[in-house]
Amino acid sequence: MSNTTYVVEGMTCGSCAGKVTDRVEQIPGVTDVDVDIATGGVTLTTDAPVSDETVKQAIEEIGYKVAAA
């Protein structure tokens, strides 16, 4: 298992966090999602390799932006 954190811009409330969580949970290999609205941090726990591009695309499809690392 590994953890990766992304910074998501535009997440301002619990509803936003729920949308992001629901979307990234659908990515194969993602086993857990932890969202911190205050920092915009989204930490994924995975049990298989998941590319950054896959995560970025999934989040951007629902209207948010992943900040550059």
PDB file of N, CA and C in Angstrom:
ATOM      1  N   MET A   1       0.843  -1.190   0.000  1.00  0.00           N
ATOM      2  CA  MET A   1       0.000   0.000   0.000  1.00  0.00           C
ATOM      3  C   MET A   1       0.879   1.240   0.000  1.00  0.00           C
ATOM      4  N   SER A   2       0.379   2.270  -0.665  1.00  0.00           N
ATOM      5  CA  SER A   2       1.099   3.532  -0.657  1.00  0.00           C
ATOM      6  C   SER A   2       0.108   4.678  -0.529  1.00  0.00           C
ATOM      7  N   ASN A   3       0.620   5.818  -0.063  1.00  0.00           N
ATOM      8  CA  ASN A   3      -0.191   7.025   0.086  1.00  0.00           C
ATOM      9  C   ASN A   3       0.380   8.115  -0.797  1.00  0.00           C
ATOM     10  N   THR A   4      -0.516   8.841  -1.458  1.00  0.00           N
ATOM     11  CA  THR A   4      -0.121   9.975  -2.276  1.00  0.00           C
ATOM     12  C   THR A   4      -1.088  11.114  -1.997  1.00  0.00           C
ATOM     13  N   THR A   5      -0.559  12.320  -1.827  1.00  0.00           N
ATOM     14  CA  THR A   5      -1.401  13.473  -1.541  1.00  0.00           C
ATOM     15  C   THR A   5      -1.372  14.436  -2.717  1.00  0.00           C
ATOM     16  N   TYR A   6      -2.541  14.922  -3.065  1.00  0.00           N
ATOM     17  CA  TYR A   6      -2.719  15.910  -4.126  1.00  0.00           C
ATOM     18  C   TYR A   6      -3.360  17.143  -3.509  1.00  0.00           C
ATOM     19  N   VAL A   7      -3.102  18.316  -4.085  1.00  0.00           N
ATOM     20  CA  VAL A   7      -3.766  19.544  -3.650  1.00  0.00           C
ATOM     21  C   VAL A   7      -4.802  19.889  -4.708  1.00  0.00           C
ATOM     22  N   VAL A   8      -6.049  19.964  -4.264  1.00  0.00           N
ATOM     23  CA  VAL A   8      -7.164  20.215  -5.169  1.00  0.00           C
ATOM     24  C   VAL A   8      -7.682  21.629  -4.931  1.00  0.00           C
ATOM     25  N   GLU A   9      -7.708  22.426  -5.980  1.00  0.00           N
ATOM     26  CA  GLU A   9      -8.188  23.801  -5.896  1.00  0.00           C
ATOM     27  C   GLU A   9      -9.691  23.831  -6.168  1.00  0.00           C
ATOM     28  N   GLY A  10     -10.397  24.650  -5.389  1.00  0.00           N
ATOM     29  CA  GLY A  10     -11.827  24.834  -5.601  1.00  0.00           C
ATOM     30  C   GLY A  10     -12.709  24.028  -4.665  1.00  0.00           C
ATOM     31  N   MET A  11     -12.100  23.204  -3.812  1.00  0.00           N
ATOM     32  CA  MET A  11     -12.864  22.445  -2.822  1.00  0.00           C
ATOM     33  C   MET A  11     -13.089  23.346  -1.619  1.00  0.00           C
ATOM     34  N   THR A  12     -14.331  23.777  -1.404  1.00  0.00           N
ATOM     35  CA  THR A  12     -14.582  24.741  -0.345  1.00  0.00           C
ATOM     36  C   THR A  12     -15.571  24.282   0.717  1.00  0.00           C
ATOM     37  N   CYS A  13     -16.200  23.121   0.529  1.00  0.00           N
ATOM     38  CA  CYS A  13     -17.217  22.693   1.487  1.00  0.00           C
ATOM     39  C   CYS A  13     -17.302  21.169   1.539  1.00  0.00           C
ATOM     40  N   GLY A  14     -18.116  20.682   2.433  1.00  0.00           N
ATOM     41  CA  GLY A  14     -18.293  19.246   2.584  1.00  0.00           C
ATOM     42  C   GLY A  14     -18.848  18.586   1.340  1.00  0.00           C
ATOM     43  N   SER A  15     -19.721  19.288   0.630  1.00  0.00           N
ATOM     44  CA  SER A  15     -20.285  18.740  -0.605  1.00  0.00           C
ATOM     45  C   SER A  15     -19.187  18.555  -1.652  1.00  0.00           C
ATOM     46  N   CYS A  16     -18.298  19.540  -1.755  1.00  0.00           N
ATOM     47  CA  CYS A  16     -17.172  19.443  -2.691  1.00  0.00           C
ATOM     48  C   CYS A  16     -16.299  18.243  -2.335  1.00  0.00           C
ATOM     49  N   ALA A  17     -15.988  18.115  -1.050  1.00  0.00           N
ATOM     50  CA  ALA A  17     -15.152  17.011  -0.597  1.00  0.00           C
ATOM     51  C   ALA A  17     -15.816  15.677  -0.905  1.00  0.00           C
ATOM     52  N   GLY A  18     -17.124  15.608  -0.733  1.00  0.00           N
ATOM     53  CA  GLY A  18     -17.856  14.385  -1.036  1.00  0.00           C
ATOM     54  C   GLY A  18     -17.795  14.025  -2.506  1.00  0.00           C
ATOM     55  N   LYS A  19     -17.913  15.031  -3.374  1.00  0.00           N
ATOM     56  CA  LYS A  19     -17.839  14.780  -4.820  1.00  0.00           C
ATOM     57  C   LYS A  19     -16.465  14.251  -5.217  1.00  0.00           C
ATOM     58  N   VAL A  20     -15.427  14.873  -4.669  1.00  0.00           N
ATOM     59  CA  VAL A  20     -14.062  14.435  -4.988  1.00  0.00           C
ATOM     60  C   VAL A  20     -13.840  13.019  -4.455  1.00  0.00           C
ATOM     61  N   THR A  21     -14.269  12.772  -3.227  1.00  0.00           N
ATOM     62  CA  THR A  21     -14.112  11.437  -2.636  1.00  0.00           C
ATOM     63  C   THR A  21     -14.823  10.389  -3.476  1.00  0.00           C
ATOM     64  N   ASP A  22     -16.083  10.652  -3.808  1.00  0.00           N
ATOM     65  CA  ASP A  22     -16.861   9.688  -4.598  1.00  0.00           C
ATOM     66  C   ASP A  22     -16.181   9.386  -5.929  1.00  0.00           C
ATOM     67  N   ARG A  23     -15.629  10.405  -6.569  1.00  0.00           N
ATOM     68  CA  ARG A  23     -15.020  10.216  -7.887  1.00  0.00           C
ATOM     69  C   ARG A  23     -13.720   9.422  -7.806  1.00  0.00           C
ATOM     70  N   VAL A  24     -12.834   9.790  -6.881  1.00  0.00           N
ATOM     71  CA  VAL A  24     -11.546   9.095  -6.848  1.00  0.00           C
ATOM     72  C   VAL A  24     -11.667   7.685  -6.275  1.00  0.00           C
ATOM     73  N   GLU A  25     -12.691   7.421  -5.483  1.00  0.00           N
ATOM     74  CA  GLU A  25     -12.912   6.058  -4.995  1.00  0.00           C
ATOM     75  C   GLU A  25     -13.221   5.089  -6.141  1.00  0.00           C
ATOM     76  N   GLN A  26     -13.649   5.610  -7.269  1.00  0.00           N
ATOM     77  CA  GLN A  26     -13.977   4.788  -8.431  1.00  0.00           C
ATOM     78  C   GLN A  26     -12.732   4.352  -9.215  1.00  0.00           C
ATOM     79  N   ILE A  27     -11.589   4.949  -8.924  1.00  0.00           N
ATOM     80  CA  ILE A  27     -10.356   4.611  -9.641  1.00  0.00           C
ATOM     81  C   ILE A  27      -9.858   3.253  -9.151  1.00  0.00           C
ATOM     82  N   PRO A  28      -9.649   2.305 -10.063  1.00  0.00           N
ATOM     83  CA  PRO A  28      -9.137   0.991  -9.653  1.00  0.00           C
ATOM     84  C   PRO A  28      -7.812   1.125  -8.915  1.00  0.00           C
ATOM     85  N   GLY A  29      -7.719   0.448  -7.782  1.00  0.00           N
ATOM     86  CA  GLY A  29      -6.503   0.488  -6.971  1.00  0.00           C
ATOM     87  C   GLY A  29      -6.612   1.385  -5.765  1.00  0.00           C
ATOM     88  N   VAL A  30      -7.553   2.340  -5.777  1.00  0.00           N
ATOM     89  CA  VAL A  30      -7.729   3.245  -4.640  1.00  0.00           C
ATOM     90  C   VAL A  30      -8.529   2.516  -3.561  1.00  0.00           C
ATOM     91  N   THR A  31      -7.963   2.445  -2.356  1.00  0.00           N
ATOM     92  CA  THR A  31      -8.631   1.744  -1.262  1.00  0.00           C
ATOM     93  C   THR A  31      -9.175   2.681  -0.193  1.00  0.00           C
ATOM     94  N   ASP A  32      -8.648   3.919  -0.119  1.00  0.00           N
ATOM     95  CA  ASP A  32      -9.122   4.873   0.878  1.00  0.00           C
ATOM     96  C   ASP A  32      -8.824   6.283   0.394  1.00  0.00           C
ATOM     97  N   VAL A  33      -9.690   7.217   0.788  1.00  0.00           N
ATOM     98  CA  VAL A  33      -9.526   8.623   0.417  1.00  0.00           C
ATOM     99  C   VAL A  33      -9.714   9.459   1.675  1.00  0.00           C
ATOM    100  N   ASP A  34      -8.786  10.373   1.934  1.00  0.00           N
ATOM    101  CA  ASP A  34      -8.886  11.296   3.061  1.00  0.00           C
ATOM    102  C   ASP A  34      -8.800  12.711   2.504  1.00  0.00           C
ATOM    103  N   VAL A  35      -9.835  13.513   2.768  1.00  0.00           N
ATOM    104  CA  VAL A  35      -9.897  14.869   2.237  1.00  0.00           C
ATOM    105  C   VAL A  35      -9.812  15.871   3.382  1.00  0.00           C
ATOM    106  N   ASP A  36      -8.968  16.886   3.216  1.00  0.00           N
ATOM    107  CA  ASP A  36      -8.857  17.990   4.175  1.00  0.00           C
ATOM    108  C   ASP A  36      -9.282  19.261   3.446  1.00  0.00           C
ATOM    109  N   ILE A  37     -10.486  19.715   3.729  1.00  0.00           N
ATOM    110  CA  ILE A  37     -11.025  20.887   3.028  1.00  0.00           C
ATOM    111  C   ILE A  37     -10.173  22.124   3.299  1.00  0.00           C
ATOM    112  N   ALA A  38      -9.681  22.277   4.522  1.00  0.00           N
ATOM    113  CA  ALA A  38      -8.917  23.472   4.893  1.00  0.00           C
ATOM    114  C   ALA A  38      -7.666  23.648   4.040  1.00  0.00           C
ATOM    115  N   THR A  39      -6.993  22.550   3.728  1.00  0.00           N
ATOM    116  CA  THR A  39      -5.748  22.647   2.956  1.00  0.00           C
ATOM    117  C   THR A  39      -5.934  22.284   1.488  1.00  0.00           C
ATOM    118  N   GLY A  40      -7.080  21.676   1.170  1.00  0.00           N
ATOM    119  CA  GLY A  40      -7.298  21.197  -0.194  1.00  0.00           C
ATOM    120  C   GLY A  40      -6.606  19.879  -0.449  1.00  0.00           C
ATOM    121  N   GLY A  41      -6.065  19.276   0.599  1.00  0.00           N
ATOM    122  CA  GLY A  41      -5.331  18.023   0.445  1.00  0.00           C
ATOM    123  C   GLY A  41      -6.253  16.825   0.264  1.00  0.00           C
ATOM    124  N   VAL A  42      -5.916  15.998  -0.698  1.00  0.00           N
ATOM    125  CA  VAL A  42      -6.623  14.742  -0.933  1.00  0.00           C
ATOM    126  C   VAL A  42      -5.564  13.644  -0.916  1.00  0.00           C
ATOM    127  N   THR A  43      -5.625  12.791   0.097  1.00  0.00           N
ATOM    128  CA  THR A  43      -4.656  11.717   0.231  1.00  0.00           C
ATOM    129  C   THR A  43      -5.306  10.400  -0.153  1.00  0.00           C
ATOM    130  N   LEU A  44      -4.697   9.732  -1.112  1.00  0.00           N
ATOM    131  CA  LEU A  44      -5.202   8.451  -1.581  1.00  0.00           C
ATOM    132  C   LEU A  44      -4.321   7.337  -1.040  1.00  0.00           C
ATOM    133  N   THR A  45      -4.958   6.284  -0.577  1.00  0.00           N
ATOM    134  CA  THR A  45      -4.256   5.052  -0.230  1.00  0.00           C
ATOM    135  C   THR A  45      -4.577   4.067  -1.334  1.00  0.00           C
ATOM    136  N   THR A  46      -3.538   3.461  -1.878  1.00  0.00           N
ATOM    137  CA  THR A  46      -3.727   2.544  -2.999  1.00  0.00           C
ATOM    138  C   THR A  46      -3.061   1.206  -2.724  1.00  0.00           C
ATOM    139  N   ASP A  47      -3.621   0.160  -3.336  1.00  0.00           N
ATOM    140  CA  ASP A  47      -3.015  -1.158  -3.221  1.00  0.00           C
ATOM    141  C   ASP A  47      -2.486  -1.638  -4.568  1.00  0.00           C
ATOM    142  N   ALA A  48      -2.510  -0.748  -5.552  1.00  0.00           N
ATOM    143  CA  ALA A  48      -1.977  -1.007  -6.890  1.00  0.00           C
ATOM    144  C   ALA A  48      -1.503   0.334  -7.442  1.00  0.00           C
ATOM    145  N   PRO A  49      -0.606   0.319  -8.400  1.00  0.00           N
ATOM    146  CA  PRO A  49      -0.136   1.584  -8.974  1.00  0.00           C
ATOM    147  C   PRO A  49      -1.278   2.382  -9.612  1.00  0.00           C
ATOM    148  N   VAL A  50      -1.329   3.670  -9.301  1.00  0.00           N
ATOM    149  CA  VAL A  50      -2.303   4.584  -9.887  1.00  0.00           C
ATOM    150  C   VAL A  50      -1.516   5.798 -10.369  1.00  0.00           C
ATOM    151  N   SER A  51      -1.646   6.127 -11.639  1.00  0.00           N
ATOM    152  CA  SER A  51      -0.862   7.243 -12.182  1.00  0.00           C
ATOM    153  C   SER A  51      -1.434   8.587 -11.736  1.00  0.00           C
ATOM    154  N   ASP A  52      -0.536   9.553 -11.598  1.00  0.00           N
ATOM    155  CA  ASP A  52      -0.958  10.907 -11.251  1.00  0.00           C
ATOM    156  C   ASP A  52      -1.920  11.452 -12.302  1.00  0.00           C
ATOM    157  N   GLU A  53      -1.672  11.130 -13.550  1.00  0.00           N
ATOM    158  CA  GLU A  53      -2.520  11.619 -14.642  1.00  0.00           C
ATOM    159  C   GLU A  53      -3.945  11.079 -14.503  1.00  0.00           C
ATOM    160  N   THR A  54      -4.097   9.830 -14.094  1.00  0.00           N
ATOM    161  CA  THR A  54      -5.423   9.250 -13.902  1.00  0.00           C
ATOM    162  C   THR A  54      -6.178   9.990 -12.814  1.00  0.00           C
ATOM    163  N   VAL A  55      -5.499  10.277 -11.706  1.00  0.00           N
ATOM    164  CA  VAL A  55      -6.123  10.997 -10.595  1.00  0.00           C
ATOM    165  C   VAL A  55      -6.487  12.406 -11.031  1.00  0.00           C
ATOM    166  N   LYS A  56      -5.557  13.081 -11.683  1.00  0.00           N
ATOM    167  CA  LYS A  56      -5.794  14.455 -12.132  1.00  0.00           C
ATOM    168  C   LYS A  56      -6.990  14.513 -13.082  1.00  0.00           C
ATOM    169  N   GLN A  57      -7.043  13.613 -14.024  1.00  0.00           N
ATOM    170  CA  GLN A  57      -8.139  13.592 -14.991  1.00  0.00           C
ATOM    171  C   GLN A  57      -9.476  13.353 -14.291  1.00  0.00           C
ATOM    172  N   ALA A  58      -9.516  12.422 -13.352  1.00  0.00           N
ATOM    173  CA  ALA A  58     -10.754  12.113 -12.641  1.00  0.00           C
ATOM    174  C   ALA A  58     -11.261  13.327 -11.875  1.00  0.00           C
ATOM    175  N   ILE A  59     -10.366  14.038 -11.215  1.00  0.00           N
ATOM    176  CA  ILE A  59     -10.759  15.211 -10.429  1.00  0.00           C
ATOM    177  C   ILE A  59     -11.174  16.356 -11.343  1.00  0.00           C
ATOM    178  N   GLU A  60     -10.446  16.571 -12.423  1.00  0.00           N
ATOM    179  CA  GLU A  60     -10.765  17.671 -13.325  1.00  0.00           C
ATOM    180  C   GLU A  60     -12.067  17.418 -14.088  1.00  0.00           C
ATOM    181  N   GLU A  61     -12.433  16.150 -14.294  1.00  0.00           N
ATOM    182  CA  GLU A  61     -13.698  15.822 -14.954  1.00  0.00           C
ATOM    183  C   GLU A  61     -14.911  16.332 -14.172  1.00  0.00           C
ATOM    184  N   ILE A  62     -14.762  16.475 -12.852  1.00  0.00           N
ATOM    185  CA  ILE A  62     -15.883  16.936 -12.047  1.00  0.00           C
ATOM    186  C   ILE A  62     -15.764  18.416 -11.678  1.00  0.00           C
ATOM    187  N   GLY A  63     -14.837  19.123 -12.322  1.00  0.00           N
ATOM    188  CA  GLY A  63     -14.797  20.578 -12.206  1.00  0.00           C
ATOM    189  C   GLY A  63     -13.793  21.174 -11.237  1.00  0.00           C
ATOM    190  N   TYR A  64     -12.891  20.396 -10.709  1.00  0.00           N
ATOM    191  CA  TYR A  64     -11.866  20.917  -9.813  1.00  0.00           C
ATOM    192  C   TYR A  64     -10.516  20.847 -10.508  1.00  0.00           C
ATOM    193  N   LYS A  65      -9.530  21.532  -9.925  1.00  0.00           N
ATOM    194  CA  LYS A  65      -8.203  21.554 -10.531  1.00  0.00           C
ATOM    195  C   LYS A  65      -7.195  20.995  -9.541  1.00  0.00           C
ATOM    196  N   VAL A  66      -6.298  20.164 -10.047  1.00  0.00           N
ATOM    197  CA  VAL A  66      -5.212  19.645  -9.225  1.00  0.00           C
ATOM    198  C   VAL A  66      -4.025  20.584  -9.390  1.00  0.00           C
ATOM    199  N   ALA A  67      -3.559  21.125  -8.271  1.00  0.00           N
ATOM    200  CA  ALA A  67      -2.443  22.076  -8.297  1.00  0.00           C
ATOM    201  C   ALA A  67      -1.156  21.344  -8.646  1.00  0.00           C
ATOM    202  N   ALA A  68      -0.257  22.041  -9.302  1.00  0.00           N
ATOM    203  CA  ALA A  68       1.057  21.472  -9.627  1.00  0.00           C
ATOM    204  C   ALA A  68       1.835  21.237  -8.346  1.00  0.00           C
ATOM    205  N   ALA A  69       2.562  20.136  -8.316  1.00  0.00           N
ATOM    206  CA  ALA A  69       3.338  19.790  -7.114  1.00  0.00           C
ATOM    207  C   ALA A  69       4.570  20.642  -7.005  1.00  0.00           C
TER     208      ALA A  69
END
